[in-house]
Amino acid sequence: MIWPAIIDAVRSLVFIASQVCGHSTGGGILLVSLAVRVALLPLTLRMARRVREHQSRIAAIAPKLEKLRRRHADDQAALGQATLDLYREHDIGLLPRGSLASLVIQAPVGAALYRAFGTNMGVRVSFLWMSDLAQPDIALALVCATLAGVAAGAEPSVSRVAIAMNVLVTGFLAWRLAASVGLYWAASNGVSAVQALVLRRSASRARPA
């Protein structure tokens, strides 16, 4: 059984990390979460750059897309085919290159961490202001939501409505989950926020004056 062995390995890593953090289970969860997220940075940074490149290429043909929408306003099938043809003409894929491969790598990692942290980890264990890591914590949910908002807000193509929805959904889910999972989410969102801000700053420097 490979999956249970992976979950046990993650929990063992948390135990080892907690020893480094002064026998703190919460500190161990944060340390393992940050280590995994940082280890994935080369992949997520490359994917984020490809997403931005994909979005900029679509923005460059926006006038042509608008013409197609007006021309095929009453025929969605024809509009879809014309859009695909336009994408092929400009060598633009429906999804950024490597997005599916990135998902295949990241999804199992996230699922393993979620499963390990959310299964009876931190029962009646306190950390920082939290008295029981096995229970939801509203303050931690707010931290998760804020970091998610910062990460989404750093993306130039994300609307205010999308940012607000991201904040609300993240905050609600984090409020419903155990604080042990919330710590993982906060760490992951924190790295995502830093990544998004760095990419935005790099894009601003690269933009011609």
N, C-alpha and C. Protein backbone atom coordinates (compact mmCIF):
# COMPACT_ATOMS: atom_id res chain seq x y z
N MET A 1 0.85 -1.19 0.00
CA MET A 1 0.00 0.00 0.00
C MET A 1 0.89 1.25 0.00
N ILE A 2 1.04 1.88 -1.17
CA ILE A 2 1.96 3.00 -1.29
C ILE A 2 1.42 4.25 -0.61
N TRP A 3 0.13 4.55 -0.80
CA TRP A 3 -0.43 5.80 -0.27
C TRP A 3 -0.33 5.90 1.25
N PRO A 4 -0.75 4.89 2.01
CA PRO A 4 -0.59 4.97 3.46
C PRO A 4 0.87 5.14 3.88
N ALA A 5 1.79 4.52 3.12
CA ALA A 5 3.21 4.66 3.44
C ALA A 5 3.67 6.11 3.24
N ILE A 6 3.14 6.76 2.20
CA ILE A 6 3.49 8.17 1.96
C ILE A 6 2.95 9.04 3.09
N ILE A 7 1.72 8.78 3.51
CA ILE A 7 1.13 9.56 4.61
C ILE A 7 1.96 9.38 5.88
N ASP A 8 2.35 8.15 6.17
CA ASP A 8 3.16 7.89 7.36
C ASP A 8 4.51 8.58 7.26
N ALA A 9 5.07 8.64 6.05
CA ALA A 9 6.36 9.31 5.86
C ALA A 9 6.25 10.81 6.14
N VAL A 10 5.15 11.41 5.68
CA VAL A 10 4.93 12.83 5.94
C VAL A 10 4.80 13.10 7.44
N ARG A 11 4.05 12.24 8.11
CA ARG A 11 3.87 12.40 9.55
C ARG A 11 5.19 12.22 10.30
N SER A 12 6.03 11.31 9.80
CA SER A 12 7.35 11.13 10.41
C SER A 12 8.21 12.37 10.21
N LEU A 13 8.11 12.97 9.03
CA LEU A 13 8.85 14.20 8.78
C LEU A 13 8.41 15.31 9.72
N VAL A 14 7.11 15.39 9.96
CA VAL A 14 6.60 16.40 10.90
C VAL A 14 7.16 16.14 12.30
N PHE A 15 7.20 14.87 12.70
CA PHE A 15 7.74 14.52 14.02
C PHE A 15 9.20 14.95 14.13
N ILE A 16 9.99 14.67 13.08
CA ILE A 16 11.40 15.05 13.10
C ILE A 16 11.54 16.57 13.12
N ALA A 17 10.74 17.24 12.30
CA ALA A 17 10.81 18.70 12.24
C ALA A 17 10.38 19.32 13.56
N SER A 18 9.43 18.68 14.23
CA SER A 18 8.96 19.23 15.52
C SER A 18 10.08 19.20 16.56
N GLN A 19 10.98 18.22 16.47
CA GLN A 19 12.11 18.17 17.39
C GLN A 19 13.04 19.36 17.15
N VAL A 20 13.21 19.72 15.89
CA VAL A 20 14.03 20.88 15.54
C VAL A 20 13.39 22.16 16.05
N CYS A 21 12.05 22.17 16.09
CA CYS A 21 11.31 23.37 16.50
C CYS A 21 10.95 23.33 17.99
N GLY A 22 11.77 22.71 18.79
CA GLY A 22 11.52 22.70 20.24
C GLY A 22 10.35 21.83 20.63
N HIS A 23 10.22 20.67 19.99
CA HIS A 23 9.13 19.72 20.27
C HIS A 23 7.75 20.34 20.02
N SER A 24 7.67 21.21 19.03
CA SER A 24 6.42 21.87 18.68
C SER A 24 5.82 21.23 17.44
N THR A 25 4.65 20.59 17.60
CA THR A 25 3.99 19.97 16.45
C THR A 25 3.60 21.03 15.42
N GLY A 26 3.09 22.15 15.89
CA GLY A 26 2.72 23.23 14.97
C GLY A 26 3.92 23.74 14.21
N GLY A 27 5.04 23.90 14.90
CA GLY A 27 6.26 24.33 14.23
C GLY A 27 6.72 23.31 13.20
N GLY A 28 6.57 22.02 13.55
CA GLY A 28 6.94 20.97 12.60
C GLY A 28 6.09 21.00 11.35
N ILE A 29 4.79 21.22 11.52
CA ILE A 29 3.88 21.31 10.37
C ILE A 29 4.28 22.48 9.47
N LEU A 30 4.55 23.64 10.09
CA LEU A 30 4.95 24.80 9.32
C LEU A 30 6.26 24.56 8.58
N LEU A 31 7.23 23.95 9.27
CA LEU A 31 8.54 23.72 8.67
C LEU A 31 8.45 22.77 7.48
N VAL A 32 7.72 21.66 7.65
CA VAL A 32 7.55 20.71 6.55
C VAL A 32 6.78 21.35 5.39
N SER A 33 5.73 22.10 5.71
CA SER A 33 4.93 22.76 4.67
C SER A 33 5.78 23.73 3.86
N LEU A 34 6.58 24.54 4.56
CA LEU A 34 7.44 25.51 3.88
C LEU A 34 8.51 24.80 3.05
N ALA A 35 9.08 23.73 3.60
CA ALA A 35 10.14 23.01 2.88
C ALA A 35 9.60 22.41 1.58
N VAL A 36 8.41 21.81 1.65
CA VAL A 36 7.81 21.21 0.46
C VAL A 36 7.47 22.29 -0.56
N ARG A 37 6.87 23.38 -0.09
CA ARG A 37 6.47 24.46 -1.01
C ARG A 37 7.68 25.11 -1.67
N VAL A 38 8.75 25.30 -0.91
CA VAL A 38 9.96 25.88 -1.48
C VAL A 38 10.61 24.91 -2.47
N ALA A 39 10.56 23.61 -2.16
CA ALA A 39 11.11 22.60 -3.07
C ALA A 39 10.37 22.61 -4.41
N LEU A 40 9.09 22.98 -4.38
CA LEU A 40 8.29 23.03 -5.61
C LEU A 40 8.44 24.35 -6.36
N LEU A 41 9.16 25.30 -5.79
CA LEU A 41 9.27 26.63 -6.40
C LEU A 41 9.78 26.60 -7.85
N PRO A 42 10.83 25.83 -8.16
CA PRO A 42 11.27 25.82 -9.57
C PRO A 42 10.14 25.45 -10.52
N LEU A 43 9.31 24.51 -10.12
CA LEU A 43 8.18 24.10 -10.96
C LEU A 43 7.11 25.17 -11.01
N THR A 44 6.72 25.70 -9.84
CA THR A 44 5.63 26.68 -9.81
C THR A 44 6.03 28.01 -10.44
N LEU A 45 7.29 28.40 -10.29
CA LEU A 45 7.75 29.64 -10.92
C LEU A 45 7.73 29.51 -12.44
N ARG A 46 8.23 28.38 -12.94
CA ARG A 46 8.22 28.16 -14.39
C ARG A 46 6.80 28.15 -14.92
N MET A 47 5.89 27.52 -14.17
CA MET A 47 4.50 27.44 -14.61
C MET A 47 3.85 28.82 -14.57
N ALA A 48 4.15 29.60 -13.53
CA ALA A 48 3.58 30.95 -13.41
C ALA A 48 4.04 31.84 -14.56
N ARG A 49 5.30 31.72 -14.93
CA ARG A 49 5.81 32.52 -16.06
C ARG A 49 5.14 32.10 -17.36
N ARG A 50 4.91 30.81 -17.52
CA ARG A 50 4.25 30.34 -18.73
C ARG A 50 2.80 30.81 -18.79
N VAL A 51 2.14 30.85 -17.64
CA VAL A 51 0.76 31.34 -17.59
C VAL A 51 0.72 32.81 -18.00
N ARG A 52 1.66 33.60 -17.48
CA ARG A 52 1.69 35.02 -17.83
C ARG A 52 1.98 35.20 -19.32
N GLU A 53 2.89 34.40 -19.85
CA GLU A 53 3.20 34.48 -21.28
C GLU A 53 1.97 34.11 -22.10
N HIS A 54 1.26 33.06 -21.68
CA HIS A 54 0.05 32.63 -22.37
C HIS A 54 -1.00 33.73 -22.36
N GLN A 55 -1.17 34.37 -21.21
CA GLN A 55 -2.15 35.45 -21.10
C GLN A 55 -1.78 36.65 -21.96
N SER A 56 -0.50 36.98 -22.03
CA SER A 56 -0.06 38.13 -22.83
C SER A 56 -0.26 37.85 -24.33
N ARG A 57 -0.05 36.61 -24.75
CA ARG A 57 -0.23 36.27 -26.15
C ARG A 57 -1.71 36.32 -26.53
N ILE A 58 -2.58 35.90 -25.61
CA ILE A 58 -4.02 36.00 -25.87
C ILE A 58 -4.44 37.46 -25.90
N ALA A 59 -3.87 38.27 -25.00
CA ALA A 59 -4.21 39.70 -24.98
C ALA A 59 -3.79 40.37 -26.29
N ALA A 60 -2.72 39.89 -26.91
CA ALA A 60 -2.24 40.49 -28.16
C ALA A 60 -3.20 40.27 -29.31
N ILE A 61 -3.99 39.18 -29.25
CA ILE A 61 -4.95 38.92 -30.33
C ILE A 61 -6.38 39.25 -29.89
N ALA A 62 -6.51 39.99 -28.80
CA ALA A 62 -7.84 40.33 -28.29
C ALA A 62 -8.73 41.03 -29.33
N PRO A 63 -8.20 41.98 -30.12
CA PRO A 63 -9.06 42.61 -31.14
C PRO A 63 -9.62 41.61 -32.15
N LYS A 64 -8.80 40.63 -32.54
CA LYS A 64 -9.27 39.61 -33.48
C LYS A 64 -10.33 38.72 -32.83
N LEU A 65 -10.14 38.41 -31.54
CA LEU A 65 -11.13 37.61 -30.83
C LEU A 65 -12.46 38.34 -30.74
N GLU A 66 -12.39 39.65 -30.51
CA GLU A 66 -13.62 40.44 -30.41
C GLU A 66 -14.36 40.46 -31.75
N LYS A 67 -13.62 40.53 -32.84
CA LYS A 67 -14.25 40.49 -34.16
C LYS A 67 -14.95 39.16 -34.38
N LEU A 68 -14.30 38.08 -33.94
CA LEU A 68 -14.92 36.76 -34.09
C LEU A 68 -16.20 36.66 -33.27
N ARG A 69 -16.19 37.23 -32.06
CA ARG A 69 -17.40 37.19 -31.21
C ARG A 69 -18.55 37.93 -31.87
N ARG A 70 -18.25 39.05 -32.48
CA ARG A 70 -19.32 39.81 -33.16
C ARG A 70 -19.81 39.07 -34.41
N ARG A 71 -18.86 38.46 -35.13
CA ARG A 71 -19.21 37.78 -36.38
C ARG A 71 -20.06 36.54 -36.12
N HIS A 72 -19.75 35.82 -35.04
CA HIS A 72 -20.45 34.56 -34.74
C HIS A 72 -21.28 34.67 -33.46
N ALA A 73 -21.88 35.84 -33.28
CA ALA A 73 -22.64 36.08 -32.05
C ALA A 73 -23.79 35.09 -31.87
N ASP A 74 -24.34 34.60 -32.98
CA ASP A 74 -25.50 33.71 -32.90
C ASP A 74 -25.15 32.24 -33.15
N ASP A 75 -23.88 31.94 -33.23
CA ASP A 75 -23.47 30.56 -33.52
C ASP A 75 -22.26 30.21 -32.66
N GLN A 76 -22.51 29.63 -31.49
CA GLN A 76 -21.44 29.34 -30.55
C GLN A 76 -20.47 28.27 -31.09
N ALA A 77 -21.00 27.32 -31.85
CA ALA A 77 -20.14 26.28 -32.43
C ALA A 77 -19.15 26.88 -33.41
N ALA A 78 -19.65 27.77 -34.27
CA ALA A 78 -18.77 28.43 -35.23
C ALA A 78 -17.76 29.32 -34.53
N LEU A 79 -18.19 29.99 -33.47
CA LEU A 79 -17.28 30.84 -32.69
C LEU A 79 -16.15 30.00 -32.08
N GLY A 80 -16.52 28.85 -31.52
CA GLY A 80 -15.51 27.99 -30.91
C GLY A 80 -14.49 27.51 -31.93
N GLN A 81 -14.96 27.09 -33.10
CA GLN A 81 -14.05 26.61 -34.14
C GLN A 81 -13.16 27.73 -34.66
N ALA A 82 -13.75 28.92 -34.85
CA ALA A 82 -12.97 30.06 -35.35
C ALA A 82 -11.92 30.47 -34.32
N THR A 83 -12.28 30.39 -33.05
CA THR A 83 -11.31 30.73 -32.00
C THR A 83 -10.16 29.74 -31.98
N LEU A 84 -10.47 28.45 -32.11
CA LEU A 84 -9.42 27.43 -32.16
C LEU A 84 -8.50 27.65 -33.36
N ASP A 85 -9.09 27.99 -34.50
CA ASP A 85 -8.29 28.25 -35.70
C ASP A 85 -7.37 29.44 -35.49
N LEU A 86 -7.88 30.48 -34.84
CA LEU A 86 -7.07 31.67 -34.57
C LEU A 86 -5.93 31.33 -33.62
N TYR A 87 -6.22 30.54 -32.60
CA TYR A 87 -5.18 30.11 -31.67
C TYR A 87 -4.09 29.33 -32.41
N ARG A 88 -4.50 28.41 -33.30
CA ARG A 88 -3.52 27.63 -34.05
C ARG A 88 -2.68 28.53 -34.95
N GLU A 89 -3.32 29.52 -35.55
CA GLU A 89 -2.61 30.44 -36.45
C GLU A 89 -1.49 31.17 -35.71
N HIS A 90 -1.74 31.48 -34.45
CA HIS A 90 -0.74 32.20 -33.65
C HIS A 90 0.04 31.28 -32.71
N ASP A 91 -0.12 29.96 -32.91
CA ASP A 91 0.60 28.96 -32.11
C ASP A 91 0.34 29.15 -30.61
N ILE A 92 -0.94 29.30 -30.26
CA ILE A 92 -1.35 29.46 -28.86
C ILE A 92 -2.18 28.24 -28.47
N GLY A 93 -1.79 27.57 -27.39
CA GLY A 93 -2.54 26.43 -26.92
C GLY A 93 -3.72 26.85 -26.07
N LEU A 94 -4.65 25.94 -25.88
CA LEU A 94 -5.80 26.24 -25.02
C LEU A 94 -5.34 26.42 -23.57
N LEU A 95 -4.29 25.70 -23.18
CA LEU A 95 -3.71 25.81 -21.85
C LEU A 95 -2.22 26.13 -21.98
N PRO A 96 -1.65 26.78 -20.98
CA PRO A 96 -0.21 27.03 -21.02
C PRO A 96 0.57 25.72 -21.09
N ARG A 97 1.71 25.74 -21.74
CA ARG A 97 2.53 24.54 -21.86
C ARG A 97 2.93 24.01 -20.49
N GLY A 98 2.78 22.72 -20.30
CA GLY A 98 3.22 22.08 -19.06
C GLY A 98 2.25 22.18 -17.91
N SER A 99 1.06 22.76 -18.13
CA SER A 99 0.13 22.95 -17.02
C SER A 99 -0.39 21.61 -16.48
N LEU A 100 -0.67 20.67 -17.37
CA LEU A 100 -1.17 19.38 -16.92
C LEU A 100 -0.09 18.61 -16.17
N ALA A 101 1.15 18.66 -16.66
CA ALA A 101 2.25 17.97 -15.98
C ALA A 101 2.47 18.57 -14.60
N SER A 102 2.36 19.89 -14.51
CA SER A 102 2.52 20.56 -13.22
C SER A 102 1.44 20.11 -12.24
N LEU A 103 0.22 20.00 -12.73
CA LEU A 103 -0.90 19.56 -11.89
C LEU A 103 -0.68 18.12 -11.41
N VAL A 104 -0.20 17.27 -12.30
CA VAL A 104 0.03 15.86 -11.96
C VAL A 104 1.06 15.74 -10.85
N ILE A 105 2.04 16.64 -10.84
CA ILE A 105 3.09 16.60 -9.81
C ILE A 105 2.59 17.20 -8.51
N GLN A 106 1.94 18.36 -8.58
CA GLN A 106 1.57 19.08 -7.37
C GLN A 106 0.37 18.48 -6.64
N ALA A 107 -0.60 17.95 -7.38
CA ALA A 107 -1.82 17.46 -6.75
C ALA A 107 -1.56 16.33 -5.75
N PRO A 108 -0.78 15.31 -6.10
CA PRO A 108 -0.53 14.26 -5.10
C PRO A 108 0.23 14.75 -3.88
N VAL A 109 1.15 15.70 -4.10
CA VAL A 109 1.91 16.25 -2.98
C VAL A 109 0.98 16.97 -2.02
N GLY A 110 0.12 17.84 -2.57
CA GLY A 110 -0.83 18.56 -1.73
C GLY A 110 -1.80 17.63 -1.03
N ALA A 111 -2.26 16.60 -1.75
CA ALA A 111 -3.19 15.64 -1.16
C ALA A 111 -2.55 14.88 -0.01
N ALA A 112 -1.27 14.51 -0.17
CA ALA A 112 -0.57 13.77 0.88
C ALA A 112 -0.40 14.63 2.13
N LEU A 113 -0.03 15.90 1.93
CA LEU A 113 0.13 16.79 3.08
C LEU A 113 -1.21 17.03 3.78
N TYR A 114 -2.26 17.27 2.99
CA TYR A 114 -3.58 17.49 3.56
C TYR A 114 -4.04 16.28 4.37
N ARG A 115 -3.84 15.10 3.80
CA ARG A 115 -4.26 13.87 4.48
C ARG A 115 -3.48 13.65 5.77
N ALA A 116 -2.18 13.89 5.70
CA ALA A 116 -1.34 13.67 6.88
C ALA A 116 -1.66 14.66 7.99
N PHE A 117 -1.85 15.93 7.62
CA PHE A 117 -2.10 16.95 8.64
C PHE A 117 -3.52 16.90 9.17
N GLY A 118 -4.46 16.43 8.35
CA GLY A 118 -5.86 16.46 8.75
C GLY A 118 -6.35 15.23 9.46
N THR A 119 -5.47 14.24 9.65
CA THR A 119 -5.89 12.98 10.27
C THR A 119 -5.33 12.88 11.69
N ASN A 120 -6.09 13.38 12.65
CA ASN A 120 -5.74 13.26 14.07
C ASN A 120 -4.35 13.80 14.41
N MET A 121 -3.90 14.82 13.69
CA MET A 121 -2.63 15.43 14.03
C MET A 121 -2.88 16.71 14.83
N GLY A 122 -2.23 16.81 15.96
CA GLY A 122 -2.36 18.02 16.77
C GLY A 122 -3.55 18.02 17.70
N VAL A 123 -4.09 16.83 18.00
CA VAL A 123 -5.24 16.77 18.92
C VAL A 123 -4.81 17.25 20.31
N ARG A 124 -5.53 18.27 20.80
CA ARG A 124 -5.25 18.89 22.10
C ARG A 124 -3.81 19.38 22.21
N VAL A 125 -3.25 19.78 21.06
CA VAL A 125 -1.89 20.34 21.02
C VAL A 125 -2.01 21.83 20.72
N SER A 126 -1.39 22.65 21.53
CA SER A 126 -1.46 24.10 21.33
C SER A 126 -0.27 24.59 20.50
N PHE A 127 -0.49 25.72 19.83
CA PHE A 127 0.57 26.35 19.04
C PHE A 127 0.22 27.82 18.86
N LEU A 128 1.16 28.68 19.21
CA LEU A 128 0.92 30.12 19.18
C LEU A 128 -0.34 30.43 19.98
N TRP A 129 -1.36 31.06 19.37
CA TRP A 129 -2.59 31.41 20.09
C TRP A 129 -3.62 30.28 20.07
N MET A 130 -3.35 29.22 19.29
CA MET A 130 -4.32 28.13 19.10
C MET A 130 -4.18 27.09 20.21
N SER A 131 -5.30 26.73 20.80
CA SER A 131 -5.27 25.78 21.91
C SER A 131 -5.38 24.33 21.47
N ASP A 132 -5.90 24.09 20.26
CA ASP A 132 -6.07 22.72 19.77
C ASP A 132 -5.95 22.72 18.25
N LEU A 133 -4.84 22.16 17.73
CA LEU A 133 -4.59 22.17 16.30
C LEU A 133 -5.56 21.28 15.53
N ALA A 134 -6.29 20.43 16.23
CA ALA A 134 -7.25 19.56 15.55
C ALA A 134 -8.57 20.27 15.31
N GLN A 135 -8.72 21.49 15.85
CA GLN A 135 -9.95 22.26 15.70
C GLN A 135 -9.73 23.47 14.78
N PRO A 136 -10.78 23.93 14.09
CA PRO A 136 -10.62 25.13 13.25
C PRO A 136 -10.29 26.35 14.10
N ASP A 137 -9.66 27.34 13.47
CA ASP A 137 -9.31 28.57 14.17
C ASP A 137 -9.63 29.75 13.26
N ILE A 138 -10.48 30.66 13.71
CA ILE A 138 -10.94 31.76 12.88
C ILE A 138 -9.81 32.73 12.54
N ALA A 139 -8.90 32.97 13.50
CA ALA A 139 -7.79 33.90 13.23
C ALA A 139 -6.86 33.33 12.16
N LEU A 140 -6.60 32.03 12.24
CA LEU A 140 -5.75 31.40 11.23
C LEU A 140 -6.44 31.42 9.87
N ALA A 141 -7.75 31.24 9.87
CA ALA A 141 -8.50 31.31 8.61
C ALA A 141 -8.36 32.69 7.98
N LEU A 142 -8.37 33.74 8.80
CA LEU A 142 -8.18 35.10 8.29
C LEU A 142 -6.78 35.30 7.71
N VAL A 143 -5.79 34.69 8.35
CA VAL A 143 -4.42 34.76 7.84
C VAL A 143 -4.35 34.09 6.47
N CYS A 144 -4.94 32.89 6.36
CA CYS A 144 -4.95 32.17 5.08
C CYS A 144 -5.65 32.98 4.00
N ALA A 145 -6.79 33.58 4.35
CA ALA A 145 -7.55 34.36 3.37
C ALA A 145 -6.77 35.59 2.93
N THR A 146 -6.11 36.25 3.87
CA THR A 146 -5.33 37.45 3.54
C THR A 146 -4.18 37.11 2.60
N LEU A 147 -3.45 36.05 2.90
CA LEU A 147 -2.34 35.65 2.05
C LEU A 147 -2.82 35.23 0.66
N ALA A 148 -3.97 34.56 0.60
CA ALA A 148 -4.54 34.19 -0.69
C ALA A 148 -4.91 35.43 -1.49
N GLY A 149 -5.44 36.45 -0.81
CA GLY A 149 -5.78 37.70 -1.47
C GLY A 149 -4.55 38.43 -2.00
N VAL A 150 -3.47 38.42 -1.22
CA VAL A 150 -2.22 39.06 -1.66
C VAL A 150 -1.68 38.36 -2.91
N ALA A 151 -1.69 37.02 -2.88
CA ALA A 151 -1.19 36.26 -4.03
C ALA A 151 -2.03 36.52 -5.27
N ALA A 152 -3.35 36.51 -5.12
CA ALA A 152 -4.23 36.75 -6.27
C ALA A 152 -4.14 38.19 -6.75
N GLY A 153 -4.02 39.13 -5.81
CA GLY A 153 -3.96 40.54 -6.17
C GLY A 153 -2.69 40.92 -6.91
N ALA A 154 -1.63 40.12 -6.75
CA ALA A 154 -0.38 40.41 -7.44
C ALA A 154 -0.41 40.01 -8.90
N GLU A 155 -1.45 39.25 -9.29
CA GLU A 155 -1.59 38.84 -10.69
C GLU A 155 -2.32 39.94 -11.47
N PRO A 156 -1.71 40.46 -12.53
CA PRO A 156 -2.32 41.59 -13.24
C PRO A 156 -3.64 41.29 -13.92
N SER A 157 -3.87 40.04 -14.29
CA SER A 157 -5.07 39.70 -15.05
C SER A 157 -6.25 39.29 -14.17
N VAL A 158 -6.06 39.26 -12.85
CA VAL A 158 -7.12 38.82 -11.94
C VAL A 158 -7.99 40.01 -11.54
N SER A 159 -9.29 39.88 -11.71
CA SER A 159 -10.20 40.97 -11.40
C SER A 159 -10.44 41.08 -9.89
N ARG A 160 -11.00 42.19 -9.48
CA ARG A 160 -11.30 42.39 -8.06
C ARG A 160 -12.35 41.38 -7.57
N VAL A 161 -13.29 41.07 -8.45
CA VAL A 161 -14.31 40.08 -8.07
C VAL A 161 -13.66 38.72 -7.82
N ALA A 162 -12.74 38.33 -8.70
CA ALA A 162 -12.05 37.05 -8.54
C ALA A 162 -11.21 37.03 -7.27
N ILE A 163 -10.56 38.16 -6.97
CA ILE A 163 -9.76 38.26 -5.74
C ILE A 163 -10.66 38.10 -4.52
N ALA A 164 -11.80 38.81 -4.54
CA ALA A 164 -12.73 38.73 -3.41
C ALA A 164 -13.26 37.31 -3.23
N MET A 165 -13.59 36.65 -4.33
CA MET A 165 -14.08 35.28 -4.25
C MET A 165 -13.01 34.34 -3.71
N ASN A 166 -11.78 34.56 -4.15
CA ASN A 166 -10.67 33.74 -3.67
C ASN A 166 -10.49 33.90 -2.16
N VAL A 167 -10.57 35.14 -1.70
CA VAL A 167 -10.43 35.42 -0.26
C VAL A 167 -11.56 34.76 0.53
N LEU A 168 -12.78 34.93 0.05
CA LEU A 168 -13.94 34.39 0.76
C LEU A 168 -13.92 32.86 0.82
N VAL A 169 -13.64 32.23 -0.32
CA VAL A 169 -13.62 30.77 -0.37
C VAL A 169 -12.49 30.22 0.50
N THR A 170 -11.31 30.82 0.39
CA THR A 170 -10.18 30.37 1.21
C THR A 170 -10.47 30.53 2.69
N GLY A 171 -11.00 31.69 3.06
CA GLY A 171 -11.31 31.92 4.47
C GLY A 171 -12.35 30.96 5.00
N PHE A 172 -13.39 30.70 4.21
CA PHE A 172 -14.45 29.79 4.65
C PHE A 172 -13.92 28.37 4.83
N LEU A 173 -13.17 27.88 3.83
CA LEU A 173 -12.65 26.52 3.91
C LEU A 173 -11.66 26.36 5.07
N ALA A 174 -10.78 27.36 5.24
CA ALA A 174 -9.80 27.30 6.33
C ALA A 174 -10.51 27.34 7.68
N TRP A 175 -11.62 28.05 7.76
CA TRP A 175 -12.40 28.13 9.00
C TRP A 175 -13.07 26.80 9.33
N ARG A 176 -13.34 25.99 8.28
CA ARG A 176 -14.01 24.71 8.49
C ARG A 176 -13.03 23.56 8.72
N LEU A 177 -11.75 23.77 8.42
CA LEU A 177 -10.77 22.70 8.53
C LEU A 177 -9.98 22.81 9.82
N ALA A 178 -9.32 21.72 10.18
CA ALA A 178 -8.48 21.72 11.38
C ALA A 178 -7.36 22.74 11.23
N ALA A 179 -6.95 23.33 12.34
CA ALA A 179 -5.88 24.32 12.32
C ALA A 179 -4.58 23.73 11.79
N SER A 180 -4.37 22.42 11.98
CA SER A 180 -3.17 21.78 11.45
C SER A 180 -3.13 21.91 9.92
N VAL A 181 -4.28 21.73 9.27
CA VAL A 181 -4.37 21.93 7.82
C VAL A 181 -4.25 23.42 7.49
N GLY A 182 -4.83 24.26 8.34
CA GLY A 182 -4.74 25.70 8.12
C GLY A 182 -3.30 26.19 8.14
N LEU A 183 -2.47 25.62 9.00
CA LEU A 183 -1.05 25.99 9.04
C LEU A 183 -0.37 25.67 7.72
N TYR A 184 -0.67 24.49 7.19
CA TYR A 184 -0.12 24.11 5.89
C TYR A 184 -0.59 25.08 4.81
N TRP A 185 -1.86 25.41 4.84
CA TRP A 185 -2.42 26.32 3.84
C TRP A 185 -1.81 27.71 3.96
N ALA A 186 -1.62 28.18 5.20
CA ALA A 186 -1.01 29.49 5.41
C ALA A 186 0.41 29.52 4.87
N ALA A 187 1.18 28.47 5.14
CA ALA A 187 2.55 28.40 4.64
C ALA A 187 2.57 28.40 3.12
N SER A 188 1.70 27.59 2.52
CA SER A 188 1.65 27.50 1.06
C SER A 188 1.22 28.82 0.44
N ASN A 189 0.19 29.45 1.01
CA ASN A 189 -0.28 30.74 0.50
C ASN A 189 0.77 31.82 0.69
N GLY A 190 1.52 31.74 1.77
CA GLY A 190 2.57 32.72 2.01
C GLY A 190 3.64 32.66 0.94
N VAL A 191 4.08 31.45 0.60
CA VAL A 191 5.07 31.30 -0.47
C VAL A 191 4.49 31.73 -1.81
N SER A 192 3.23 31.41 -2.04
CA SER A 192 2.57 31.81 -3.29
C SER A 192 2.50 33.34 -3.40
N ALA A 193 2.22 34.00 -2.28
CA ALA A 193 2.15 35.47 -2.28
C ALA A 193 3.51 36.08 -2.60
N VAL A 194 4.57 35.56 -1.98
CA VAL A 194 5.91 36.05 -2.26
C VAL A 194 6.28 35.80 -3.73
N GLN A 195 5.96 34.62 -4.22
CA GLN A 195 6.23 34.28 -5.62
C GLN A 195 5.52 35.25 -6.56
N ALA A 196 4.25 35.52 -6.31
CA ALA A 196 3.47 36.41 -7.18
C ALA A 196 4.03 37.83 -7.14
N LEU A 197 4.43 38.30 -5.97
CA LEU A 197 4.99 39.66 -5.86
C LEU A 197 6.33 39.77 -6.58
N VAL A 198 7.15 38.73 -6.46
CA VAL A 198 8.44 38.72 -7.16
C VAL A 198 8.24 38.73 -8.67
N LEU A 199 7.30 37.93 -9.15
CA LEU A 199 7.02 37.89 -10.59
C LEU A 199 6.49 39.23 -11.09
N ARG A 200 5.63 39.86 -10.30
CA ARG A 200 5.10 41.16 -10.71
C ARG A 200 6.20 42.21 -10.78
N ARG A 201 7.11 42.17 -9.80
CA ARG A 201 8.22 43.12 -9.81
C ARG A 201 9.15 42.87 -10.99
N SER A 202 9.40 41.60 -11.30
CA SER A 202 10.25 41.26 -12.44
C SER A 202 9.61 41.72 -13.74
N ALA A 203 8.29 41.54 -13.84
CA ALA A 203 7.58 41.98 -15.05
C ALA A 203 7.62 43.48 -15.19
N SER A 204 7.55 44.22 -14.09
CA SER A 204 7.59 45.68 -14.14
C SER A 204 8.95 46.16 -14.58
N ARG A 205 10.01 45.48 -14.14
CA ARG A 205 11.35 45.86 -14.55
C ARG A 205 11.60 45.55 -16.02
N ALA A 206 11.01 44.46 -16.48
CA ALA A 206 11.22 44.05 -17.89
C ALA A 206 10.41 44.89 -18.85
N ARG A 207 9.35 45.55 -18.35
CA ARG A 207 8.49 46.34 -19.23
C ARG A 207 9.24 47.57 -19.72
N PRO A 208 9.25 47.84 -21.02
CA PRO A 208 9.96 49.01 -21.54
C PRO A 208 9.37 50.31 -21.04
N ALA A 209 10.22 51.27 -20.81
CA ALA A 209 9.78 52.56 -20.27
C ALA A 209 9.04 53.36 -21.34
